[in-house]
Amino acid sequence: MSSVKLPSAVSSTSVADILERVLDMGVVIAGDIRVKLVDIELLTIQIRLVVCSIDKAKEIGMDWWNVALDKNSSPMAKPIEEDAALLASRLESVEKRMRDMEKAGILKR
């Protein structure tokens, strides 16, 4: 009798191979948790986890770690300051228009 070796469906892969594949390709894990009581949504938690190499992250447009932060600022601080300046200038414009309308007798306070 000769022994015939059957092909195995299970291949041996080391942890290093799996880690290399994950970092090279990237993995996204997403999930939502919702807490409802009598059809009223009380809480929603959206979870997004990305696991990939830095090169892959840069390739897909993620580079938040390159932003230099001081101790008292957050990544959102600059956009908020820019929004505040824009809103201040728009408010000033509206107030000027109102003053002009008051002078013309179109608007009364």
C-alpha atoms as a PDB file:
ATOM      1  CA  MET A   1       0.000   0.000   0.000  1.00  0.00           C
ATOM      2  CA  SER A   2       1.208   3.397  -0.867  1.00  0.00           C
ATOM      3  CA  SER A   3       0.380   6.351   1.267  1.00  0.00           C
ATOM      4  CA  VAL A   4      -1.278   9.179  -0.574  1.00  0.00           C
ATOM      5  CA  LYS A   5      -1.023  12.617   0.929  1.00  0.00           C
ATOM      6  CA  LEU A   6      -4.282  14.491   0.709  1.00  0.00           C
ATOM      7  CA  PRO A   7      -4.193  18.250   0.264  1.00  0.00           C
ATOM      8  CA  SER A   8      -5.087  20.077   3.426  1.00  0.00           C
ATOM      9  CA  ALA A   9      -7.540  22.969   3.518  1.00  0.00           C
ATOM     10  CA  VAL A  10      -5.702  24.419   6.479  1.00  0.00           C
ATOM     11  CA  SER A  11      -2.484  26.216   5.710  1.00  0.00           C
ATOM     12  CA  SER A  12      -0.010  27.256   8.308  1.00  0.00           C
ATOM     13  CA  THR A  13       0.431  30.995   8.544  1.00  0.00           C
ATOM     14  CA  SER A  14       2.516  32.671  11.161  1.00  0.00           C
ATOM     15  CA  VAL A  15       1.410  35.659  13.177  1.00  0.00           C
ATOM     16  CA  ALA A  16       4.075  37.730  11.437  1.00  0.00           C
ATOM     17  CA  ASP A  17       2.582  36.874   8.028  1.00  0.00           C
ATOM     18  CA  ILE A  18      -0.886  37.849   9.182  1.00  0.00           C
ATOM     19  CA  LEU A  19       0.378  41.099  10.716  1.00  0.00           C
ATOM     20  CA  GLU A  20       2.282  41.967   7.545  1.00  0.00           C
ATOM     21  CA  ARG A  21      -0.832  41.360   5.448  1.00  0.00           C
ATOM     22  CA  VAL A  22      -3.035  43.444   7.766  1.00  0.00           C
ATOM     23  CA  LEU A  23      -0.597  46.372   7.833  1.00  0.00           C
ATOM     24  CA  ASP A  24      -0.086  46.212   4.079  1.00  0.00           C
ATOM     25  CA  MET A  25      -3.754  45.965   3.109  1.00  0.00           C
ATOM     26  CA  GLY A  26      -5.389  47.622   6.105  1.00  0.00           C
ATOM     27  CA  VAL A  27      -8.423  46.567   8.088  1.00  0.00           C
ATOM     28  CA  VAL A  28     -11.478  48.644   8.917  1.00  0.00           C
ATOM     29  CA  ILE A  29     -13.757  47.615  11.746  1.00  0.00           C
ATOM     30  CA  ALA A  30     -16.991  49.554  11.966  1.00  0.00           C
ATOM     31  CA  GLY A  31     -19.951  49.204  14.232  1.00  0.00           C
ATOM     32  CA  ASP A  32     -22.876  51.100  15.659  1.00  0.00           C
ATOM     33  CA  ILE A  33     -24.385  50.728  19.095  1.00  0.00           C
ATOM     34  CA  ARG A  34     -27.855  52.163  19.639  1.00  0.00           C
ATOM     35  CA  VAL A  35     -29.780  52.233  22.876  1.00  0.00           C
ATOM     36  CA  LYS A  36     -33.520  52.740  22.461  1.00  0.00           C
ATOM     37  CA  LEU A  37     -36.356  52.836  24.918  1.00  0.00           C
ATOM     38  CA  VAL A  38     -39.901  52.696  23.523  1.00  0.00           C
ATOM     39  CA  ASP A  39     -38.679  53.752  20.053  1.00  0.00           C
ATOM     40  CA  ILE A  40     -36.812  56.763  21.498  1.00  0.00           C
ATOM     41  CA  GLU A  41     -33.131  56.708  20.722  1.00  0.00           C
ATOM     42  CA  LEU A  42     -31.262  57.496  23.923  1.00  0.00           C
ATOM     43  CA  LEU A  43     -27.690  56.852  22.851  1.00  0.00           C
ATOM     44  CA  THR A  44     -25.791  56.200  19.635  1.00  0.00           C
ATOM     45  CA  ILE A  45     -22.140  55.229  19.537  1.00  0.00           C
ATOM     46  CA  GLN A  46     -20.402  54.908  16.192  1.00  0.00           C
ATOM     47  CA  ILE A  47     -17.138  53.013  16.278  1.00  0.00           C
ATOM     48  CA  ARG A  48     -14.643  53.181  13.418  1.00  0.00           C
ATOM     49  CA  LEU A  49     -11.281  51.480  13.800  1.00  0.00           C
ATOM     50  CA  VAL A  50      -8.616  51.497  11.104  1.00  0.00           C
ATOM     51  CA  VAL A  51      -5.562  49.276  11.432  1.00  0.00           C
ATOM     52  CA  CYS A  52      -2.907  49.772   8.769  1.00  0.00           C
ATOM     53  CA  SER A  53       0.666  50.878   8.229  1.00  0.00           C
ATOM     54  CA  ILE A  54       1.596  54.567   8.200  1.00  0.00           C
ATOM     55  CA  ASP A  55       2.302  54.353   4.470  1.00  0.00           C
ATOM     56  CA  LYS A  56      -1.156  52.920   3.817  1.00  0.00           C
ATOM     57  CA  ALA A  57      -2.758  55.538   6.080  1.00  0.00           C
ATOM     58  CA  LYS A  58      -1.045  58.341   4.144  1.00  0.00           C
ATOM     59  CA  GLU A  59      -2.161  56.707   0.903  1.00  0.00           C
ATOM     60  CA  ILE A  60      -5.811  56.849   2.000  1.00  0.00           C
ATOM     61  CA  GLY A  61      -5.505  60.418   3.277  1.00  0.00           C
ATOM     62  CA  MET A  62      -5.082  59.949   7.016  1.00  0.00           C
ATOM     63  CA  ASP A  63      -2.310  62.104   8.475  1.00  0.00           C
ATOM     64  CA  TRP A  64      -3.624  63.515  11.744  1.00  0.00           C
ATOM     65  CA  TRP A  65      -0.395  62.635  13.560  1.00  0.00           C
ATOM     66  CA  ASN A  66       1.523  65.187  11.462  1.00  0.00           C
ATOM     67  CA  VAL A  67      -0.408  68.089  12.987  1.00  0.00           C
ATOM     68  CA  ALA A  68       1.761  69.825  15.558  1.00  0.00           C
ATOM     69  CA  LEU A  69      -0.285  70.345  18.696  1.00  0.00           C
ATOM     70  CA  ASP A  70       0.569  72.377  21.736  1.00  0.00           C
ATOM     71  CA  LYS A  71      -0.637  71.357  25.183  1.00  0.00           C
ATOM     72  CA  ASN A  72      -3.775  73.517  25.174  1.00  0.00           C
ATOM     73  CA  SER A  73      -5.041  72.950  21.656  1.00  0.00           C
ATOM     74  CA  SER A  74      -6.907  70.252  19.846  1.00  0.00           C
ATOM     75  CA  PRO A  75      -6.917  69.195  16.184  1.00  0.00           C
ATOM     76  CA  MET A  76     -10.226  71.043  15.825  1.00  0.00           C
ATOM     77  CA  ALA A  77      -8.979  74.333  17.334  1.00  0.00           C
ATOM     78  CA  LYS A  78      -7.844  75.933  14.088  1.00  0.00           C
ATOM     79  CA  PRO A  79     -11.015  75.246  12.073  1.00  0.00           C
ATOM     80  CA  ILE A  80     -13.129  76.561  14.957  1.00  0.00           C
ATOM     81  CA  GLU A  81     -11.051  79.757  15.120  1.00  0.00           C
ATOM     82  CA  GLU A  82     -11.395  80.187  11.362  1.00  0.00           C
ATOM     83  CA  ASP A  83     -15.162  79.652  11.612  1.00  0.00           C
ATOM     84  CA  ALA A  84     -15.389  82.200  14.424  1.00  0.00           C
ATOM     85  CA  ALA A  85     -13.515  84.798  12.357  1.00  0.00           C
ATOM     86  CA  LEU A  86     -15.768  84.145   9.364  1.00  0.00           C
ATOM     87  CA  LEU A  87     -18.900  84.451  11.505  1.00  0.00           C
ATOM     88  CA  ALA A  88     -17.615  87.680  13.070  1.00  0.00           C
ATOM     89  CA  SER A  89     -17.044  89.248   9.656  1.00  0.00           C
ATOM     90  CA  ARG A  90     -20.481  88.141   8.440  1.00  0.00           C
ATOM     91  CA  LEU A  91     -22.126  89.539  11.577  1.00  0.00           C
ATOM     92  CA  GLU A  92     -20.337  92.834  11.068  1.00  0.00           C
ATOM     93  CA  SER A  93     -21.635  92.940   7.484  1.00  0.00           C
ATOM     94  CA  VAL A  94     -25.225  92.259   8.599  1.00  0.00           C
ATOM     95  CA  GLU A  95     -25.006  94.928  11.306  1.00  0.00           C
ATOM     96  CA  LYS A  96     -23.702  97.462   8.759  1.00  0.00           C
ATOM     97  CA  ARG A  97     -26.600  96.673   6.440  1.00  0.00           C
ATOM     98  CA  MET A  98     -29.047  97.127   9.310  1.00  0.00           C
ATOM     99  CA  ARG A  99     -27.521 100.518  10.204  1.00  0.00           C
ATOM    100  CA  ASP A 100     -27.762 101.579   6.555  1.00  0.00           C
ATOM    101  CA  MET A 101     -31.418 100.457   6.446  1.00  0.00           C
ATOM    102  CA  GLU A 102     -32.146 102.381   9.650  1.00  0.00           C
ATOM    103  CA  LYS A 103     -30.586 105.547   8.191  1.00  0.00           C
ATOM    104  CA  ALA A 104     -32.694 105.114   5.044  1.00  0.00           C
ATOM    105  CA  GLY A 105     -35.850 104.702   7.161  1.00  0.00           C
ATOM    106  CA  ILE A 106     -36.493 101.183   5.892  1.00  0.00           C
ATOM    107  CA  LEU A 107     -35.880  99.520   9.252  1.00  0.00           C
ATOM    108  CA  LYS A 108     -36.906 100.681  12.697  1.00  0.00           C
ATOM    109  CA  ARG A 109     -35.688  99.224  15.954  1.00  0.00           C
END
